[in-house]
């Protein structure tokens, strides 16, 4: 009996202990869950944000090419002869009309002097013919008076008239010879002038550069022998090969910036000036030429360059590129919205909403938003940790570089 009672008491005690342990476990677990739930409700994601802005954005294409001179020609002799001097060297400046070389002019000087002498003889012949004409006219007048008085015969009058006509013809011949000798003298002077070789051109600036020198003094040159080449390097021409996709968007007058590896990040302003009307069938590319400002003549023909061509400029709704993110195959941004936390009364909270977007022009750190119309602030750092509707804590408002609106 005592043994049964004892066992019963032990069972009751064990049951009470188990019930107390279960109650304690339930109370502790429920409290931890409540505290954890409240902690989770209070947890937020720290993010950086930037404002949605309206900016002047430019659609820019990077194209490669090489430089050539705006104009290049060779200065050559007009006549053959011994080259006595060359006045310029490679790289020298040369002005429009400047004498750059001298040929031996002895023969040309002699021809000019001979032409002058022949002109003087022809001029003397004119004087002689003029005097003869005056005498013939006076004789004809005298015979005419005598003929009217019946003293002179008809034959004498005819002879005097014939002599007058002949004198007039001799004067005209002498005058023609003078004109001929003047032309010969002018030709001789021109030939003499050709012994001074000049660099001359039309249009463009007054100063250009010597690109090459082909001969040295002492050479006997034929006519039309090249002495130097002359380059116009302001502007220089950037020659680009452009594919179909960009070709259809290029127009004369579009602005560009050109850089060359030799000058690092130094930029030279340029403009599209010529676009080929056809594409090469093999490469499917077209030739496009830019005029590149080169006042200091730093850029040289043959240099490899990179051109940033502005295809389009527009005032656009824009966000920083850092705000873009891919979610489930969609490109979009997390837009920060401010609302009331119903669990905490009237307390405001910032919530991140994922908004799919359609992008357009990309310009440096900014990208155009075509759709939808956005306002407010977008997340630029921390968006990879966000979920739709998650509460965020703004730790920094990013202020991007100032841009013209």
Protein backbone atom coordinates (compact mmCIF):
# COMPACT_ATOMS: atom_id res chain seq x y z
CA UNK A 1 0.00 0.00 0.00
CA UNK A 2 2.75 2.41 0.96
CA UNK A 3 4.66 1.40 -2.08
CA UNK A 4 1.68 2.19 -4.33
CA UNK A 5 1.16 5.54 -2.67
CA UNK A 6 4.79 6.38 -3.08
CA UNK A 7 4.75 5.59 -6.78
CA UNK A 8 1.66 7.74 -7.19
CA UNK A 9 3.34 10.69 -5.50
CA UNK A 10 6.40 10.31 -7.71
CA UNK A 11 4.16 10.30 -10.80
CA UNK A 12 2.36 13.44 -9.67
CA UNK A 13 5.64 15.25 -9.00
CA UNK A 14 7.08 14.25 -12.37
CA UNK A 15 3.91 15.39 -14.13
CA UNK A 16 4.02 18.74 -12.34
CA UNK A 17 7.68 19.19 -13.24
CA UNK A 18 6.97 18.39 -16.88
CA UNK A 19 4.05 20.82 -16.95
CA UNK A 20 6.17 23.57 -15.39
CA UNK A 21 8.99 22.91 -17.87
CA UNK A 22 6.56 23.02 -20.82
CA UNK A 23 5.02 26.27 -19.54
CA UNK A 24 8.44 27.84 -19.06
CA UNK A 25 9.54 26.75 -22.58
CA UNK A 26 6.35 28.09 -24.17
CA UNK A 27 6.62 31.41 -22.38
CA UNK A 28 10.32 31.89 -23.31
CA UNK A 29 9.86 30.89 -26.95
CA UNK A 30 6.81 33.11 -27.40
CA UNK A 31 8.64 36.05 -25.88
CA UNK A 32 11.68 35.53 -28.11
CA UNK A 33 9.42 35.28 -31.15
CA UNK A 34 7.67 38.51 -30.23
CA UNK A 35 10.96 40.29 -29.59
CA UNK A 36 12.44 38.87 -32.83
CA UNK A 37 9.34 39.92 -34.77
CA UNK A 38 9.55 43.42 -33.42
CA UNK A 39 13.28 43.49 -34.19
CA UNK A 40 12.62 42.32 -37.71
CA UNK A 41 9.97 44.96 -38.09
CA UNK A 42 12.50 47.54 -36.93
CA UNK A 43 15.31 46.26 -39.29
CA UNK A 44 15.92 48.46 -42.39
CA UNK A 45 18.40 48.44 -45.30
CA UNK A 46 20.84 51.35 -45.39
CA UNK A 47 20.98 52.88 -48.88
CA UNK A 48 22.31 55.87 -50.79
CA UNK A 49 19.92 57.77 -53.04
CA UNK A 50 20.09 60.38 -55.80
CA UNK A 51 17.39 62.61 -57.29
CA UNK A 52 15.72 62.05 -60.64
CA UNK A 53 16.74 65.06 -62.78
CA UNK A 54 16.05 66.69 -66.13
CA UNK A 55 19.38 67.19 -67.91
CA UNK A 56 20.83 68.00 -71.30
CA UNK A 57 22.12 64.59 -72.40
CA UNK A 58 24.19 63.78 -75.47
CA UNK A 59 24.22 60.48 -77.35
CA UNK A 60 27.91 59.99 -78.11
CA UNK A 61 29.63 57.38 -80.28
CA UNK A 62 33.32 56.54 -80.00
CA UNK A 63 34.89 56.04 -83.45
CA UNK A 64 38.49 55.40 -84.46
CA UNK A 65 40.37 56.77 -87.45
CA UNK A 66 43.51 58.52 -88.64
CA UNK A 67 44.49 62.05 -89.62
CA UNK A 68 45.42 63.58 -92.97
CA UNK A 69 46.20 67.12 -94.02
CA UNK A 70 43.34 69.41 -94.97
CA UNK A 71 45.26 70.20 -98.17
CA UNK A 72 48.55 68.96 -99.60
CA UNK A 73 50.27 69.87 -102.85
CA UNK A 74 53.72 69.91 -104.43
CA UNK A 75 55.51 73.09 -105.49
CA UNK A 76 57.21 72.35 -108.83
CA UNK A 77 59.30 74.23 -111.39
CA UNK A 78 57.62 75.78 -114.44
CA UNK A 79 60.85 75.68 -116.46
CA UNK A 80 63.92 73.49 -116.40
CA UNK A 81 67.30 74.62 -115.17
CA UNK A 82 70.01 74.47 -112.54
CA UNK A 83 68.67 74.73 -108.98
CA UNK A 84 70.75 77.40 -107.26
CA UNK A 85 69.05 77.72 -103.82
CA UNK A 86 66.22 76.27 -101.74
CA UNK A 87 65.02 78.71 -99.09
CA UNK A 88 62.99 76.35 -96.82
CA UNK A 89 63.40 73.11 -94.90
CA UNK A 90 60.99 70.44 -93.67
CA UNK A 91 58.65 71.87 -91.03
CA UNK A 92 59.23 75.51 -91.95
CA UNK A 93 56.31 77.86 -92.29
CA UNK A 94 55.69 79.19 -95.78
CA UNK A 95 53.47 82.13 -96.67
CA UNK A 96 51.21 82.48 -99.68
CA UNK A 97 53.29 83.67 -102.67
CA UNK A 98 56.64 83.20 -100.90
CA UNK A 99 59.73 82.43 -103.05
CA UNK A 100 61.00 79.03 -101.91
CA UNK A 101 63.73 78.34 -104.53
CA UNK A 102 65.83 79.99 -107.25
CA UNK A 103 66.89 78.52 -110.60
CA UNK A 104 69.85 79.74 -112.62
CA UNK A 105 68.48 82.72 -114.57
CA UNK A 106 71.33 83.64 -116.94
CA UNK A 107 69.61 82.34 -120.06
CA UNK A 108 66.27 83.89 -119.02
CA UNK A 109 67.93 87.28 -118.39
CA UNK A 110 69.57 87.11 -121.83
CA UNK A 111 66.26 86.31 -123.50
CA UNK A 112 64.65 89.24 -121.74
CA UNK A 113 67.38 91.64 -122.84
CA UNK A 114 67.14 90.38 -126.41
CA UNK A 115 63.38 90.90 -126.36
CA UNK A 116 63.88 94.43 -125.05
CA UNK A 117 66.34 95.21 -127.86
CA UNK A 118 64.00 93.82 -130.51
CA UNK A 119 61.18 95.92 -129.03
CA UNK A 120 63.37 99.03 -129.30
CA UNK A 121 64.11 98.28 -132.96
CA UNK A 122 60.41 97.78 -133.63
CA UNK A 123 59.62 101.07 -131.91
CA UNK A 124 62.19 102.85 -134.10
CA UNK A 125 60.59 101.28 -137.16
CA UNK A 126 57.27 102.78 -136.08
CA UNK A 127 58.86 106.22 -135.84
CA UNK A 128 60.38 105.80 -139.31
CA UNK A 129 57.09 104.56 -140.78
CA UNK A 130 55.26 107.45 -139.14
CA UNK A 131 57.64 109.98 -140.71
CA UNK A 132 57.34 108.32 -144.11
CA UNK A 133 53.56 108.43 -143.84
CA UNK A 134 53.60 112.13 -142.99
CA UNK A 135 55.79 112.86 -146.07
CA UNK A 136 53.55 110.76 -148.32
CA UNK A 137 50.44 112.54 -147.06
CA UNK A 138 52.05 115.96 -147.63
CA UNK A 139 53.10 114.96 -151.17
CA UNK A 140 49.63 113.70 -151.94
CA UNK A 141 48.10 116.96 -150.71
CA UNK A 142 50.48 118.99 -152.92
CA UNK A 143 49.80 116.92 -156.05
CA UNK A 144 46.05 117.15 -155.36
CA UNK A 145 46.22 121.00 -155.37
CA UNK A 146 48.24 121.01 -158.58
CA UNK A 147 45.85 118.55 -160.19
CA UNK A 148 42.89 120.81 -159.33
CA UNK A 149 44.77 123.68 -160.97
CA UNK A 150 45.36 121.58 -164.07
CA UNK A 151 49.14 121.69 -163.62
CA UNK A 152 49.61 118.07 -162.43
CA UNK A 153 48.73 115.04 -164.52
CA UNK A 154 46.33 112.32 -163.37
CA UNK A 155 49.17 109.81 -163.28
CA UNK A 156 51.10 111.84 -160.74
CA UNK A 157 48.04 112.06 -158.52
CA UNK A 158 47.57 108.28 -158.65
CA UNK A 159 51.24 107.70 -157.87
CA UNK A 160 51.07 110.05 -154.86
CA UNK A 161 47.93 108.29 -153.63
CA UNK A 162 49.58 104.88 -153.94
CA UNK A 163 52.63 106.10 -152.01
CA UNK A 164 50.39 107.38 -149.19
CA UNK A 165 48.57 104.02 -148.92
CA UNK A 166 51.88 102.15 -148.89
CA UNK A 167 53.21 104.41 -146.12
CA UNK A 168 50.09 103.72 -144.05
CA UNK A 169 50.60 99.96 -144.50
CA UNK A 170 54.26 100.20 -143.46
CA UNK A 171 53.20 102.08 -140.31
CA UNK A 172 50.64 99.43 -139.41
CA UNK A 173 53.24 96.72 -139.97
CA UNK A 174 55.72 98.52 -137.73
CA UNK A 175 53.08 98.94 -135.04
CA UNK A 176 52.22 95.23 -135.27
CA UNK A 177 55.87 94.37 -134.89
CA UNK A 178 56.01 96.53 -131.78
CA UNK A 179 53.05 94.63 -130.32
CA UNK A 180 54.74 91.35 -131.20
CA UNK A 181 58.00 92.41 -129.54
CA UNK A 182 56.09 93.56 -126.46
CA UNK A 183 54.49 90.13 -126.21
CA UNK A 184 57.87 88.47 -126.59
CA UNK A 185 59.28 90.72 -123.87
CA UNK A 186 56.40 89.81 -121.55
CA UNK A 187 56.99 86.13 -122.28
CA UNK A 188 60.69 86.55 -121.54
CA UNK A 189 59.88 88.30 -118.26
CA UNK A 190 57.47 85.52 -117.33
CA UNK A 191 60.14 82.92 -118.09
CA UNK A 192 62.57 84.89 -115.95
CA UNK A 193 59.96 85.01 -113.19
CA UNK A 194 59.68 81.21 -113.36
CA UNK A 195 63.28 80.98 -112.18
CA UNK A 196 61.93 82.17 -108.82
CA UNK A 197 59.80 79.26 -107.62
CA UNK A 198 56.88 80.41 -105.45
CA UNK A 199 54.49 78.55 -103.17
CA UNK A 200 51.03 79.83 -103.98
CA UNK A 201 47.50 78.64 -103.35
CA UNK A 202 43.93 79.88 -103.22
CA UNK A 203 41.64 79.83 -100.20
CA UNK A 204 42.54 78.81 -96.67
CA UNK A 205 45.01 80.53 -94.39
CA UNK A 206 48.02 82.62 -95.30
CA UNK A 207 50.55 80.29 -93.66
CA UNK A 208 51.18 76.59 -94.25
CA UNK A 209 53.98 74.12 -93.51
CA UNK A 210 56.64 72.38 -95.59
CA UNK A 211 55.92 68.67 -95.46
CA UNK A 212 58.78 67.32 -97.61
CA UNK A 213 61.78 68.58 -99.56
CA UNK A 214 62.64 66.52 -102.63
CA UNK A 215 65.79 68.12 -104.11
CA UNK A 216 68.90 70.04 -103.07
CA UNK A 217 70.79 72.94 -104.68
CA UNK A 218 72.99 71.92 -107.60
CA UNK A 219 70.46 69.59 -109.20
CA UNK A 220 69.59 70.17 -112.84
CA UNK A 221 65.81 69.94 -112.98
CA UNK A 222 63.42 69.44 -115.86
CA UNK A 223 60.22 71.43 -116.11
CA UNK A 224 57.51 70.38 -113.60
CA UNK A 225 60.01 68.85 -111.16
CA UNK A 226 58.73 68.87 -107.55
CA UNK A 227 60.85 70.78 -105.04
CA UNK A 228 58.77 70.68 -101.82
CA UNK A 229 55.34 69.63 -100.61
CA UNK A 230 53.13 72.06 -98.69
CA UNK A 231 50.59 71.05 -96.03
CA UNK A 232 47.59 72.82 -94.55
CA UNK A 233 47.25 71.54 -90.97
CA UNK A 234 44.55 73.83 -89.61
CA UNK A 235 42.21 72.14 -89.63
CA UNK A 236 43.39 68.57 -90.05
CA UNK A 237 40.98 65.96 -91.39
CA UNK A 238 40.06 62.90 -89.33
CA UNK A 239 39.08 60.02 -91.60
CA UNK A 240 36.73 57.50 -89.96
CA UNK A 241 35.18 54.23 -91.14
CA UNK A 242 31.62 53.98 -89.83
CA UNK A 243 29.28 50.98 -89.78
CA UNK A 244 25.67 50.99 -90.92
CA UNK A 245 24.16 51.42 -87.45
CA UNK A 246 25.94 54.74 -86.78
CA UNK A 247 26.14 55.85 -90.43
CA UNK A 248 22.40 56.50 -90.70
CA UNK A 249 22.54 58.85 -87.69
CA UNK A 250 25.46 60.99 -88.85
CA UNK A 251 24.88 64.44 -90.36
CA UNK A 252 27.25 67.19 -91.54
CA UNK A 253 27.67 69.76 -88.80
CA UNK A 254 27.50 67.36 -85.84
CA UNK A 255 30.10 68.22 -83.21
CA UNK A 256 32.80 65.91 -81.90
CA UNK A 257 35.86 65.79 -79.66
CA UNK A 258 39.07 64.14 -80.87
CA UNK A 259 41.87 62.66 -78.76
CA UNK A 260 45.24 61.28 -79.85
CA UNK A 261 47.36 58.84 -77.87
CA UNK A 262 50.34 61.20 -78.12
CA UNK A 263 48.50 63.88 -76.12
CA UNK A 264 46.71 61.75 -73.54
CA UNK A 265 43.32 63.16 -72.56
CA UNK A 266 43.79 66.50 -74.36
CA UNK A 267 40.68 67.07 -76.50
CA UNK A 268 40.48 68.86 -79.85
CA UNK A 269 37.11 70.21 -81.05
CA UNK A 270 35.91 68.83 -84.38
CA UNK A 271 32.90 68.80 -86.69
CA UNK A 272 31.51 66.35 -89.24
CA UNK A 273 32.15 67.90 -92.68
CA UNK A 274 31.79 65.10 -95.24
CA UNK A 275 29.93 61.77 -95.38
CA UNK A 276 30.43 59.31 -98.21
CA UNK A 277 27.18 58.57 -100.12
CA UNK A 278 27.88 54.84 -100.20
CA UNK A 279 29.17 51.98 -98.03
CA UNK A 280 31.98 49.68 -99.08
CA UNK A 281 30.49 46.34 -100.14
CA UNK A 282 33.25 44.33 -98.48
CA UNK A 283 33.53 46.07 -95.11
CA UNK A 284 29.98 47.48 -94.96
CA UNK A 285 31.48 50.73 -93.73
CA UNK A 286 31.41 54.29 -95.06
CA UNK A 287 34.04 57.01 -95.04
CA UNK A 288 33.28 59.98 -92.79
CA UNK A 289 35.51 63.04 -92.45
CA UNK A 290 35.79 65.44 -89.51
CA UNK A 291 37.47 68.84 -89.57
CA UNK A 292 39.60 69.03 -86.39
CA UNK A 293 40.70 72.39 -85.00
CA UNK A 294 44.52 72.44 -84.88
CA UNK A 295 45.66 76.05 -84.35
CA UNK A 296 48.94 75.06 -82.71
CA UNK A 297 49.68 72.36 -85.31
CA UNK A 298 50.01 69.67 -82.64
CA UNK A 299 48.10 67.05 -84.58
CA UNK A 300 49.96 65.59 -87.56
CA UNK A 301 48.85 63.58 -90.59
CA UNK A 302 49.09 59.85 -89.99
CA UNK A 303 48.27 59.98 -86.26
CA UNK A 304 45.73 57.49 -84.92
CA UNK A 305 42.82 59.21 -83.19
CA UNK A 306 39.60 58.48 -81.33
CA UNK A 307 36.60 60.69 -82.00
CA UNK A 308 33.63 61.15 -79.68
CA UNK A 309 30.85 62.16 -82.08
CA UNK A 310 27.67 63.68 -80.66
CA UNK A 311 24.81 62.03 -82.57
CA UNK A 312 21.97 63.62 -80.63
CA UNK A 313 21.44 66.09 -77.80
CA UNK A 314 18.17 66.35 -75.87
CA UNK A 315 16.70 67.58 -72.58
CA UNK A 316 15.79 64.31 -70.88
CA UNK A 317 14.60 62.77 -67.63
CA UNK A 318 17.71 61.09 -66.23
CA UNK A 319 18.99 58.99 -63.34
CA UNK A 320 22.56 57.95 -62.45
CA UNK A 321 23.67 54.77 -64.18
CA UNK A 322 24.44 53.31 -60.76
CA UNK A 323 20.69 53.24 -60.05
CA UNK A 324 19.95 50.66 -62.77
CA UNK A 325 19.50 47.06 -61.70
CA UNK A 326 18.25 43.81 -63.27
CA UNK A 327 15.41 41.97 -61.54
CA UNK A 328 13.83 38.87 -63.10
CA UNK A 329 15.02 39.85 -66.57
CA UNK A 330 13.76 43.43 -66.28
CA UNK A 331 15.87 46.54 -66.07
CA UNK A 332 14.64 49.04 -63.54
CA UNK A 333 15.33 51.22 -60.52
CA UNK A 334 14.30 51.21 -56.87
CA UNK A 335 12.27 54.35 -56.26
CA UNK A 336 12.13 55.54 -52.64
CA UNK A 337 8.61 56.40 -51.44
CA UNK A 338 7.65 57.89 -48.08
CA UNK A 339 4.61 56.51 -46.25
CA UNK A 340 3.07 56.02 -42.78
CA UNK A 341 4.02 52.96 -40.74
CA UNK A 342 0.63 51.57 -39.59
CA UNK A 343 2.32 49.45 -36.95
CA UNK A 344 3.84 52.51 -35.33
CA UNK A 345 1.08 55.06 -35.54
CA UNK A 346 1.91 58.16 -37.55
CA UNK A 347 5.63 57.40 -37.87
CA UNK A 348 6.89 57.93 -41.48
CA UNK A 349 9.07 55.36 -43.20
CA UNK A 350 10.90 55.16 -46.54
CA UNK A 351 9.96 52.20 -48.72
CA UNK A 352 11.74 50.96 -51.86
CA UNK A 353 9.54 50.17 -54.89
CA UNK A 354 11.00 48.47 -57.95
CA UNK A 355 10.01 50.28 -61.16
CA UNK A 356 10.83 48.75 -64.59
CA UNK A 357 12.16 51.41 -66.95
CA UNK A 358 12.97 51.90 -70.64
CA UNK A 359 16.30 53.66 -71.12
CA UNK A 360 17.57 55.89 -73.92
CA UNK A 361 20.67 58.10 -74.22
CA UNK A 362 23.65 57.19 -72.04
CA UNK A 363 25.85 60.20 -71.25
CA UNK A 364 28.78 59.72 -68.86
CA UNK A 365 27.24 58.73 -65.46
CA UNK A 366 23.67 59.48 -66.51
CA UNK A 367 21.07 57.54 -68.46
CA UNK A 368 17.84 58.80 -70.02
CA UNK A 369 14.55 57.32 -68.77
CA UNK A 370 12.06 57.11 -71.65
CA UNK A 371 9.33 55.34 -69.68
CA UNK A 372 7.73 55.72 -67.17
CA UNK A 373 7.71 59.31 -65.92
CA UNK A 374 9.75 59.23 -62.69
CA UNK A 375 9.99 61.75 -59.85
CA UNK A 376 11.69 61.72 -56.48
CA UNK A 377 14.74 59.74 -55.44
CA UNK A 378 16.25 56.48 -56.68
CA UNK A 379 18.57 54.10 -54.83
CA UNK A 380 22.14 54.22 -56.15
CA UNK A 381 23.88 52.02 -53.55
CA UNK A 382 22.44 49.08 -51.64
CA UNK A 383 19.70 48.22 -54.15
CA UNK A 384 21.05 44.68 -54.60
CA UNK A 385 19.98 43.94 -51.00
CA UNK A 386 16.45 45.24 -51.46
CA UNK A 387 13.14 43.49 -51.97
CA UNK A 388 9.91 45.04 -53.18
CA UNK A 389 8.33 47.17 -50.47
CA UNK A 390 11.26 46.88 -48.07
CA UNK A 391 11.84 49.68 -45.59
CA UNK A 392 15.06 51.59 -46.23
CA UNK A 393 17.17 53.99 -44.25
CA UNK A 394 18.81 56.75 -46.27
CA UNK A 395 22.36 57.18 -45.00
CA UNK A 396 23.52 59.54 -47.73
CA UNK A 397 21.89 61.59 -50.43
CA UNK A 398 24.20 61.47 -53.41
CA UNK A 399 24.80 64.84 -55.06
CA UNK A 400 26.10 64.11 -58.59
CA UNK A 401 28.20 66.49 -60.62
CA UNK A 402 26.34 69.61 -61.68
CA UNK A 403 25.03 69.50 -65.24
CA UNK A 404 23.26 72.09 -67.32
CA UNK A 405 19.50 71.38 -67.24
